C-alpha cells in the first residue's frame, strides 16, 4: 500500500511538470504571433518583388556594346564586350571591366546620351530595390525559423 502511494505521488509530480506555466504559454503565444506577422510581411515582400521584376522586365535590356564612354582616370573608351551585367571597356592603353548598371548610373563611366544615362539610372534603382527586398525576405525567413525553434524548445520541456 505504501508503495502505491509513493508511485501516485511521483506520477502527480510528473504531471505537474508537463503543464506549461503562464510565462511559457505567453512565450509560445508571442512566438506564434511573431511568426504570423513575419509570414504576412513575407507575402507583402514577395508581391513587391514580383512588381519590381515586372518593372525590370518593362525596362528591357539595352546592349552597351560599342557604346562610347568616358572615365575620369582612363579618359575616353569604347565598350568592346558585354557578358550579362559585366562589360569590358577599351581605353587608350588599357582594358577594364565594369558592372552594369551601376558603373553608368553612379557615373564611374559617363555617357553623352542623356536617355541612355536615365535608362541605366532606372535599372540601377530597380536593381537596388530588388536586392533590398530579397534581403528582407531572407531576413524574415530566418526570423521565422528562430521563432519556430524557440517554440520547439519550449514545447520540448513539456513532453
N, C-alpha and C. Protein backbone atom coordinates (compact mmCIF):
# COMPACT_ATOMS: atom_id res chain seq x y z
N UNK A 1 0.82 -1.20 0.00
CA UNK A 1 0.00 0.00 0.00
C UNK A 1 0.87 1.26 0.00
N UNK A 2 1.89 1.28 0.81
CA UNK A 2 2.79 2.43 0.87
C UNK A 2 3.49 2.65 -0.46
N UNK A 3 3.81 1.58 -1.18
CA UNK A 3 4.48 1.67 -2.47
C UNK A 3 3.56 2.30 -3.51
N UNK A 4 2.29 1.94 -3.48
CA UNK A 4 1.34 2.51 -4.42
C UNK A 4 1.19 4.01 -4.20
N UNK A 5 1.17 4.43 -2.97
CA UNK A 5 1.06 5.84 -2.64
C UNK A 5 2.27 6.59 -3.17
N UNK A 6 3.43 6.00 -3.01
CA UNK A 6 4.66 6.62 -3.48
C UNK A 6 4.61 6.78 -5.01
N UNK A 7 4.18 5.76 -5.73
CA UNK A 7 4.09 5.83 -7.19
C UNK A 7 3.09 6.90 -7.62
N UNK A 8 1.98 7.01 -6.92
CA UNK A 8 0.98 8.04 -7.24
C UNK A 8 1.54 9.44 -7.06
N UNK A 9 2.35 9.63 -6.00
CA UNK A 9 2.97 10.93 -5.77
C UNK A 9 3.94 11.27 -6.90
N UNK A 10 4.73 10.29 -7.36
CA UNK A 10 5.67 10.52 -8.45
C UNK A 10 4.91 10.88 -9.73
N UNK A 11 3.83 10.13 -10.02
CA UNK A 11 3.03 10.42 -11.20
C UNK A 11 2.43 11.81 -11.12
N UNK A 12 1.97 12.23 -9.96
CA UNK A 12 1.40 13.56 -9.78
C UNK A 12 2.46 14.62 -10.02
N UNK A 13 3.67 14.40 -9.51
CA UNK A 13 4.77 15.35 -9.73
C UNK A 13 5.11 15.44 -11.20
N UNK A 14 5.16 14.30 -11.90
CA UNK A 14 5.46 14.30 -13.33
C UNK A 14 4.38 15.04 -14.11
N UNK A 15 3.12 14.85 -13.72
CA UNK A 15 2.03 15.54 -14.39
C UNK A 15 2.15 17.05 -14.20
N UNK A 16 2.57 17.48 -13.04
CA UNK A 16 2.75 18.90 -12.77
C UNK A 16 3.85 19.48 -13.66
N UNK A 17 4.89 18.71 -13.88
CA UNK A 17 5.99 19.19 -14.71
C UNK A 17 5.56 19.33 -16.17
N UNK A 18 4.61 18.55 -16.63
CA UNK A 18 4.21 18.55 -18.02
C UNK A 18 3.33 19.73 -18.38
N UNK A 19 2.73 20.39 -17.42
CA UNK A 19 1.86 21.53 -17.72
C UNK A 19 2.70 22.79 -17.85
N UNK A 20 2.56 23.51 -18.95
CA UNK A 20 3.33 24.74 -19.13
C UNK A 20 2.86 25.84 -18.16
N UNK A 21 3.81 26.65 -17.77
CA UNK A 21 3.49 27.76 -16.87
C UNK A 21 2.84 28.89 -17.67
N UNK A 22 2.33 29.86 -16.94
CA UNK A 22 1.70 31.01 -17.58
C UNK A 22 2.73 31.75 -18.44
N UNK A 23 3.93 31.89 -17.93
CA UNK A 23 5.01 32.57 -18.65
C UNK A 23 5.33 31.82 -19.95
N UNK A 24 5.41 30.49 -19.88
CA UNK A 24 5.70 29.68 -21.06
C UNK A 24 4.60 29.82 -22.09
N UNK A 25 3.34 29.79 -21.63
CA UNK A 25 2.22 29.97 -22.55
C UNK A 25 2.31 31.33 -23.25
N UNK A 26 2.65 32.36 -22.49
CA UNK A 26 2.79 33.69 -23.06
C UNK A 26 3.90 33.72 -24.12
N UNK A 27 5.01 33.05 -23.81
CA UNK A 27 6.13 33.00 -24.74
C UNK A 27 5.74 32.24 -26.02
N UNK A 28 5.01 31.16 -25.86
CA UNK A 28 4.55 30.40 -27.02
C UNK A 28 3.62 31.24 -27.88
N UNK A 29 2.70 31.95 -27.24
CA UNK A 29 1.76 32.80 -27.96
C UNK A 29 2.49 33.94 -28.69
N UNK A 30 3.47 34.53 -28.01
CA UNK A 30 4.23 35.63 -28.61
C UNK A 30 5.01 35.15 -29.83
N UNK A 31 5.65 33.99 -29.71
CA UNK A 31 6.39 33.44 -30.84
C UNK A 31 5.45 33.13 -32.00
N UNK A 32 4.29 32.58 -31.71
CA UNK A 32 3.30 32.28 -32.75
C UNK A 32 2.81 33.56 -33.42
N UNK A 33 2.60 34.60 -32.61
CA UNK A 33 2.16 35.89 -33.16
C UNK A 33 3.24 36.48 -34.06
N UNK A 34 4.49 36.39 -33.62
CA UNK A 34 5.61 36.91 -34.42
C UNK A 34 5.71 36.18 -35.77
N UNK A 35 5.53 34.86 -35.73
CA UNK A 35 5.57 34.07 -36.97
C UNK A 35 4.47 34.52 -37.91
N UNK A 36 3.28 34.73 -37.37
CA UNK A 36 2.15 35.19 -38.19
C UNK A 36 2.45 36.53 -38.85
N UNK A 37 3.01 37.46 -38.08
CA UNK A 37 3.35 38.78 -38.62
C UNK A 37 4.43 38.66 -39.70
N UNK A 38 5.43 37.83 -39.45
CA UNK A 38 6.52 37.66 -40.41
C UNK A 38 6.03 36.99 -41.69
N UNK A 39 5.13 36.04 -41.56
CA UNK A 39 4.56 35.39 -42.75
C UNK A 39 3.78 36.41 -43.59
N UNK A 40 3.04 37.27 -42.91
CA UNK A 40 2.29 38.32 -43.60
C UNK A 40 3.25 39.28 -44.30
N UNK A 41 4.32 39.63 -43.61
CA UNK A 41 5.33 40.52 -44.18
C UNK A 41 5.97 39.88 -45.41
N UNK A 42 6.25 38.57 -45.34
CA UNK A 42 6.84 37.88 -46.48
C UNK A 42 5.92 37.90 -47.70
N UNK A 43 4.61 37.76 -47.47
CA UNK A 43 3.66 37.81 -48.58
C UNK A 43 3.73 39.18 -49.26
N UNK A 44 3.74 40.24 -48.45
CA UNK A 44 3.84 41.60 -49.00
C UNK A 44 5.15 41.79 -49.75
N UNK A 45 6.26 41.32 -49.16
CA UNK A 45 7.57 41.47 -49.80
C UNK A 45 7.65 40.69 -51.11
N UNK A 46 7.07 39.50 -51.14
CA UNK A 46 7.07 38.73 -52.39
C UNK A 46 6.26 39.43 -53.47
N UNK A 47 5.19 40.09 -53.06
CA UNK A 47 4.38 40.87 -54.00
C UNK A 47 5.20 42.04 -54.54
N UNK A 48 5.92 42.72 -53.64
CA UNK A 48 6.77 43.84 -54.05
C UNK A 48 7.85 43.35 -55.01
N UNK A 49 8.44 42.20 -54.70
CA UNK A 49 9.50 41.64 -55.53
C UNK A 49 8.96 41.33 -56.93
N UNK A 50 7.76 40.79 -56.97
CA UNK A 50 7.13 40.50 -58.25
C UNK A 50 6.93 41.77 -59.07
N UNK A 51 6.47 42.83 -58.40
CA UNK A 51 6.29 44.12 -59.07
C UNK A 51 7.61 44.67 -59.60
N UNK A 52 8.68 44.53 -58.79
CA UNK A 52 9.99 45.02 -59.21
C UNK A 52 10.53 44.22 -60.40
N UNK A 53 10.28 42.93 -60.41
CA UNK A 53 10.72 42.11 -61.54
C UNK A 53 9.97 42.50 -62.80
N UNK A 54 8.68 42.81 -62.65
CA UNK A 54 7.89 43.27 -63.80
C UNK A 54 8.43 44.62 -64.29
N UNK A 55 8.75 45.49 -63.34
CA UNK A 55 9.30 46.80 -63.69
C UNK A 55 10.62 46.65 -64.45
N UNK A 56 11.48 45.73 -63.99
CA UNK A 56 12.76 45.49 -64.66
C UNK A 56 12.52 44.92 -66.06
N UNK A 57 11.55 44.03 -66.18
CA UNK A 57 11.24 43.46 -67.50
C UNK A 57 10.70 44.53 -68.44
N UNK A 58 9.90 45.45 -67.91
CA UNK A 58 9.36 46.54 -68.72
C UNK A 58 10.46 47.46 -69.23
N UNK A 59 11.50 47.65 -68.42
CA UNK A 59 12.63 48.48 -68.85
C UNK A 59 13.38 47.82 -70.00
N UNK A 60 13.41 46.48 -69.98
CA UNK A 60 14.11 45.75 -71.03
C UNK A 60 15.61 45.80 -70.82
N UNK A 61 16.31 45.27 -71.80
CA UNK A 61 17.78 45.29 -71.73
C UNK A 61 18.32 45.99 -72.96
N UNK A 62 19.20 46.92 -72.72
CA UNK A 62 19.88 47.60 -73.81
C UNK A 62 21.32 47.11 -73.84
N UNK A 63 21.78 46.84 -75.01
CA UNK A 63 23.17 46.41 -75.14
C UNK A 63 24.07 47.63 -75.01
N UNK A 64 25.14 47.46 -74.27
CA UNK A 64 26.11 48.53 -74.11
C UNK A 64 27.25 48.39 -75.11
N UNK A 65 27.22 47.33 -75.88
CA UNK A 65 28.28 47.04 -76.84
C UNK A 65 28.50 48.21 -77.80
N UNK A 66 29.73 48.56 -77.99
CA UNK A 66 30.19 49.64 -78.88
C UNK A 66 29.80 51.04 -78.38
N UNK A 67 29.31 51.14 -77.16
CA UNK A 67 28.95 52.43 -76.60
C UNK A 67 30.23 53.19 -76.22
N UNK A 68 30.23 54.48 -76.50
CA UNK A 68 31.38 55.32 -76.15
C UNK A 68 31.15 55.88 -74.75
N UNK A 69 32.19 55.77 -73.92
CA UNK A 69 32.11 56.22 -72.53
C UNK A 69 33.36 57.02 -72.18
N UNK A 70 33.26 57.73 -71.05
CA UNK A 70 34.40 58.49 -70.56
C UNK A 70 34.61 58.15 -69.09
N UNK A 71 35.87 57.94 -68.73
CA UNK A 71 36.25 57.64 -67.35
C UNK A 71 37.18 58.75 -66.89
N UNK A 72 37.07 59.16 -65.62
CA UNK A 72 37.89 60.26 -65.10
C UNK A 72 39.38 59.99 -65.22
N UNK A 73 39.79 58.78 -64.93
CA UNK A 73 41.22 58.45 -64.92
C UNK A 73 41.72 57.97 -66.29
N UNK A 74 40.94 57.13 -66.96
CA UNK A 74 41.40 56.48 -68.19
C UNK A 74 41.00 57.22 -69.46
N UNK A 75 40.13 58.22 -69.33
CA UNK A 75 39.74 59.01 -70.49
C UNK A 75 38.62 58.35 -71.28
N UNK A 76 38.64 58.58 -72.61
CA UNK A 76 37.59 58.05 -73.46
C UNK A 76 37.86 56.59 -73.79
N UNK A 77 36.74 55.85 -73.89
CA UNK A 77 36.86 54.44 -74.21
C UNK A 77 35.61 53.94 -74.92
N UNK A 78 35.67 52.67 -75.29
CA UNK A 78 34.56 52.06 -76.02
C UNK A 78 34.31 50.67 -75.44
N UNK A 79 33.04 50.33 -75.23
CA UNK A 79 32.67 49.02 -74.72
C UNK A 79 32.97 47.99 -75.81
N UNK A 80 33.86 47.02 -75.50
CA UNK A 80 34.24 46.04 -76.51
C UNK A 80 33.58 44.68 -76.31
N UNK A 81 33.10 44.42 -75.08
CA UNK A 81 32.38 43.16 -74.85
C UNK A 81 31.40 43.33 -73.70
N UNK A 82 30.36 42.52 -73.75
CA UNK A 82 29.35 42.52 -72.70
C UNK A 82 28.94 41.09 -72.43
N UNK A 83 29.04 40.69 -71.16
CA UNK A 83 28.63 39.35 -70.74
C UNK A 83 27.66 39.53 -69.58
N UNK A 84 26.36 39.58 -69.92
CA UNK A 84 25.35 39.84 -68.90
C UNK A 84 25.50 41.25 -68.38
N UNK A 85 25.77 41.36 -67.07
CA UNK A 85 25.91 42.70 -66.48
C UNK A 85 27.36 43.19 -66.48
N UNK A 86 28.28 42.38 -66.96
CA UNK A 86 29.69 42.76 -66.99
C UNK A 86 30.08 43.28 -68.37
N UNK A 87 30.79 44.41 -68.39
CA UNK A 87 31.28 44.95 -69.65
C UNK A 87 32.79 45.15 -69.55
N UNK A 88 33.43 45.11 -70.72
CA UNK A 88 34.84 45.44 -70.81
C UNK A 88 34.94 46.68 -71.68
N UNK A 89 35.72 47.64 -71.19
CA UNK A 89 35.88 48.89 -71.91
C UNK A 89 37.34 49.03 -72.31
N UNK A 90 37.55 49.31 -73.59
CA UNK A 90 38.90 49.52 -74.11
C UNK A 90 39.18 51.01 -74.09
N UNK A 91 40.15 51.36 -73.26
CA UNK A 91 40.62 52.75 -73.23
C UNK A 91 41.88 52.82 -74.08
N UNK A 92 42.53 53.94 -74.09
CA UNK A 92 43.72 54.12 -74.93
C UNK A 92 44.79 53.06 -74.65
N UNK A 93 45.12 52.87 -73.37
CA UNK A 93 46.23 51.99 -73.02
C UNK A 93 45.82 50.72 -72.28
N UNK A 94 44.55 50.59 -71.92
CA UNK A 94 44.16 49.50 -71.03
C UNK A 94 42.71 49.08 -71.28
N UNK A 95 42.41 47.82 -70.92
CA UNK A 95 41.04 47.32 -70.96
C UNK A 95 40.61 47.09 -69.51
N UNK A 96 39.46 47.62 -69.15
CA UNK A 96 38.95 47.50 -67.77
C UNK A 96 37.55 46.90 -67.79
N UNK A 97 37.22 46.18 -66.68
CA UNK A 97 35.89 45.59 -66.52
C UNK A 97 35.05 46.45 -65.58
N UNK A 98 33.77 46.51 -65.89
CA UNK A 98 32.82 47.25 -65.05
C UNK A 98 31.53 46.44 -64.94
N UNK A 99 30.69 46.81 -63.97
CA UNK A 99 29.42 46.13 -63.76
C UNK A 99 28.28 47.10 -64.06
N UNK A 100 27.39 46.66 -64.95
CA UNK A 100 26.20 47.45 -65.27
C UNK A 100 25.10 47.12 -64.27
N UNK A 101 24.19 47.96 -63.99
CA UNK A 101 24.04 49.32 -64.48
C UNK A 101 24.75 50.35 -63.61
N UNK A 102 25.31 49.90 -62.49
CA UNK A 102 25.90 50.82 -61.52
C UNK A 102 27.03 51.68 -62.03
N UNK A 103 27.87 51.13 -62.90
CA UNK A 103 29.03 51.91 -63.35
C UNK A 103 28.60 53.17 -64.11
N UNK A 104 27.48 53.09 -64.82
CA UNK A 104 27.00 54.27 -65.55
C UNK A 104 26.11 55.12 -64.65
N UNK A 105 25.21 54.48 -63.90
CA UNK A 105 24.29 55.21 -63.03
C UNK A 105 25.05 56.00 -61.96
N UNK A 106 26.13 55.42 -61.45
CA UNK A 106 26.93 56.09 -60.41
C UNK A 106 28.04 56.95 -60.99
N UNK A 107 28.04 57.10 -62.30
CA UNK A 107 28.95 57.97 -63.05
C UNK A 107 30.43 57.60 -62.96
N UNK A 108 30.71 56.29 -62.79
CA UNK A 108 32.09 55.86 -62.94
C UNK A 108 32.45 55.94 -64.42
N UNK A 109 31.47 55.63 -65.24
CA UNK A 109 31.58 55.81 -66.68
C UNK A 109 30.51 56.81 -67.08
N UNK A 110 30.90 57.81 -67.84
CA UNK A 110 29.94 58.82 -68.28
C UNK A 110 29.61 58.60 -69.74
N UNK A 111 28.34 58.81 -70.06
CA UNK A 111 27.88 58.70 -71.45
C UNK A 111 27.31 60.04 -71.88
N UNK A 112 27.40 60.30 -73.18
CA UNK A 112 26.91 61.58 -73.70
C UNK A 112 25.40 61.61 -73.84
N UNK A 113 24.81 60.47 -74.12
CA UNK A 113 23.37 60.38 -74.36
C UNK A 113 22.61 60.38 -73.03
N UNK A 114 21.83 61.42 -72.79
CA UNK A 114 21.08 61.56 -71.54
C UNK A 114 20.02 60.46 -71.40
N UNK A 115 19.44 60.04 -72.50
CA UNK A 115 18.43 58.98 -72.48
C UNK A 115 19.03 57.65 -72.02
N UNK A 116 20.22 57.34 -72.49
CA UNK A 116 20.92 56.12 -72.08
C UNK A 116 21.27 56.20 -70.60
N UNK A 117 21.73 57.35 -70.16
CA UNK A 117 22.07 57.55 -68.75
C UNK A 117 20.83 57.33 -67.87
N UNK A 118 19.70 57.92 -68.24
CA UNK A 118 18.46 57.77 -67.48
C UNK A 118 18.01 56.31 -67.43
N UNK A 119 18.18 55.59 -68.54
CA UNK A 119 17.84 54.17 -68.58
C UNK A 119 18.64 53.41 -67.52
N UNK A 120 19.93 53.65 -67.46
CA UNK A 120 20.78 52.93 -66.50
C UNK A 120 20.52 53.36 -65.06
N UNK A 121 20.13 54.59 -64.86
CA UNK A 121 19.75 55.05 -63.51
C UNK A 121 18.50 54.31 -63.05
N UNK A 122 17.50 54.19 -63.92
CA UNK A 122 16.27 53.47 -63.57
C UNK A 122 16.56 52.00 -63.30
N UNK A 123 17.40 51.40 -64.16
CA UNK A 123 17.77 49.99 -63.96
C UNK A 123 18.48 49.79 -62.62
N UNK A 124 19.36 50.73 -62.29
CA UNK A 124 20.12 50.63 -61.04
C UNK A 124 19.20 50.77 -59.83
N UNK A 125 18.26 51.71 -59.89
CA UNK A 125 17.31 51.89 -58.79
C UNK A 125 16.47 50.63 -58.59
N UNK A 126 15.98 50.07 -59.68
CA UNK A 126 15.19 48.84 -59.62
C UNK A 126 16.02 47.70 -59.04
N UNK A 127 17.26 47.60 -59.49
CA UNK A 127 18.16 46.55 -59.01
C UNK A 127 18.39 46.68 -57.50
N UNK A 128 18.65 47.89 -57.04
CA UNK A 128 18.87 48.11 -55.60
C UNK A 128 17.63 47.76 -54.78
N UNK A 129 16.45 48.15 -55.28
CA UNK A 129 15.20 47.83 -54.57
C UNK A 129 14.99 46.33 -54.51
N UNK A 130 15.29 45.64 -55.62
CA UNK A 130 15.14 44.17 -55.64
C UNK A 130 16.08 43.53 -54.64
N UNK A 131 17.32 43.97 -54.60
CA UNK A 131 18.29 43.40 -53.67
C UNK A 131 17.85 43.63 -52.22
N UNK A 132 17.36 44.83 -51.94
CA UNK A 132 16.88 45.15 -50.60
C UNK A 132 15.67 44.29 -50.21
N UNK A 133 14.76 44.11 -51.15
CA UNK A 133 13.56 43.30 -50.89
C UNK A 133 13.94 41.84 -50.68
N UNK A 134 14.85 41.32 -51.51
CA UNK A 134 15.29 39.94 -51.35
C UNK A 134 15.96 39.73 -49.99
N UNK A 135 16.74 40.71 -49.56
CA UNK A 135 17.38 40.63 -48.24
C UNK A 135 16.35 40.60 -47.12
N UNK A 136 15.32 41.42 -47.24
CA UNK A 136 14.25 41.44 -46.24
C UNK A 136 13.50 40.12 -46.20
N UNK A 137 13.29 39.50 -47.36
CA UNK A 137 12.62 38.21 -47.41
C UNK A 137 13.46 37.15 -46.71
N UNK A 138 14.75 37.14 -46.98
CA UNK A 138 15.65 36.18 -46.32
C UNK A 138 15.67 36.41 -44.81
N UNK A 139 15.71 37.67 -44.42
CA UNK A 139 15.73 38.01 -43.00
C UNK A 139 14.45 37.52 -42.32
N UNK A 140 13.31 37.72 -42.95
CA UNK A 140 12.04 37.27 -42.39
C UNK A 140 12.01 35.75 -42.30
N UNK A 141 12.54 35.08 -43.31
CA UNK A 141 12.59 33.61 -43.31
C UNK A 141 13.42 33.10 -42.14
N UNK A 142 14.58 33.71 -41.92
CA UNK A 142 15.43 33.30 -40.80
C UNK A 142 14.77 33.61 -39.46
N UNK A 143 14.09 34.74 -39.37
CA UNK A 143 13.41 35.10 -38.13
C UNK A 143 12.29 34.11 -37.82
N UNK A 144 11.56 33.70 -38.84
CA UNK A 144 10.51 32.70 -38.65
C UNK A 144 11.13 31.41 -38.13
N UNK A 145 12.25 31.01 -38.71
CA UNK A 145 12.92 29.79 -38.27
C UNK A 145 13.34 29.89 -36.81
N UNK A 146 13.85 31.04 -36.41
CA UNK A 146 14.25 31.23 -35.00
C UNK A 146 13.05 31.11 -34.07
N UNK A 147 11.92 31.69 -34.46
CA UNK A 147 10.71 31.60 -33.63
C UNK A 147 10.19 30.17 -33.58
N UNK A 148 10.25 29.47 -34.70
CA UNK A 148 9.83 28.07 -34.70
C UNK A 148 10.73 27.22 -33.80
N UNK A 149 12.03 27.50 -33.84
CA UNK A 149 12.97 26.79 -32.96
C UNK A 149 12.66 27.07 -31.49
N UNK A 150 12.33 28.33 -31.19
CA UNK A 150 12.01 28.70 -29.80
C UNK A 150 10.74 27.96 -29.35
N UNK A 151 9.75 27.89 -30.21
CA UNK A 151 8.52 27.16 -29.88
C UNK A 151 8.83 25.69 -29.64
N UNK A 152 9.66 25.13 -30.51
CA UNK A 152 10.03 23.72 -30.38
C UNK A 152 10.74 23.47 -29.04
N UNK A 153 11.64 24.34 -28.65
CA UNK A 153 12.35 24.19 -27.38
C UNK A 153 11.40 24.30 -26.19
N UNK A 154 10.50 25.26 -26.26
CA UNK A 154 9.53 25.42 -25.17
C UNK A 154 8.61 24.21 -25.06
N UNK A 155 8.16 23.69 -26.17
CA UNK A 155 7.29 22.52 -26.16
C UNK A 155 8.04 21.25 -25.72
N UNK A 156 9.32 21.18 -26.03
CA UNK A 156 10.12 20.00 -25.68
C UNK A 156 10.21 19.84 -24.16
N UNK A 157 10.15 20.93 -23.43
CA UNK A 157 10.23 20.85 -21.95
C UNK A 157 9.03 20.14 -21.36
N UNK A 158 7.92 20.15 -22.08
CA UNK A 158 6.68 19.65 -21.51
C UNK A 158 6.18 18.37 -22.18
N UNK A 159 7.07 17.65 -22.81
CA UNK A 159 6.68 16.38 -23.44
C UNK A 159 7.14 15.21 -22.61
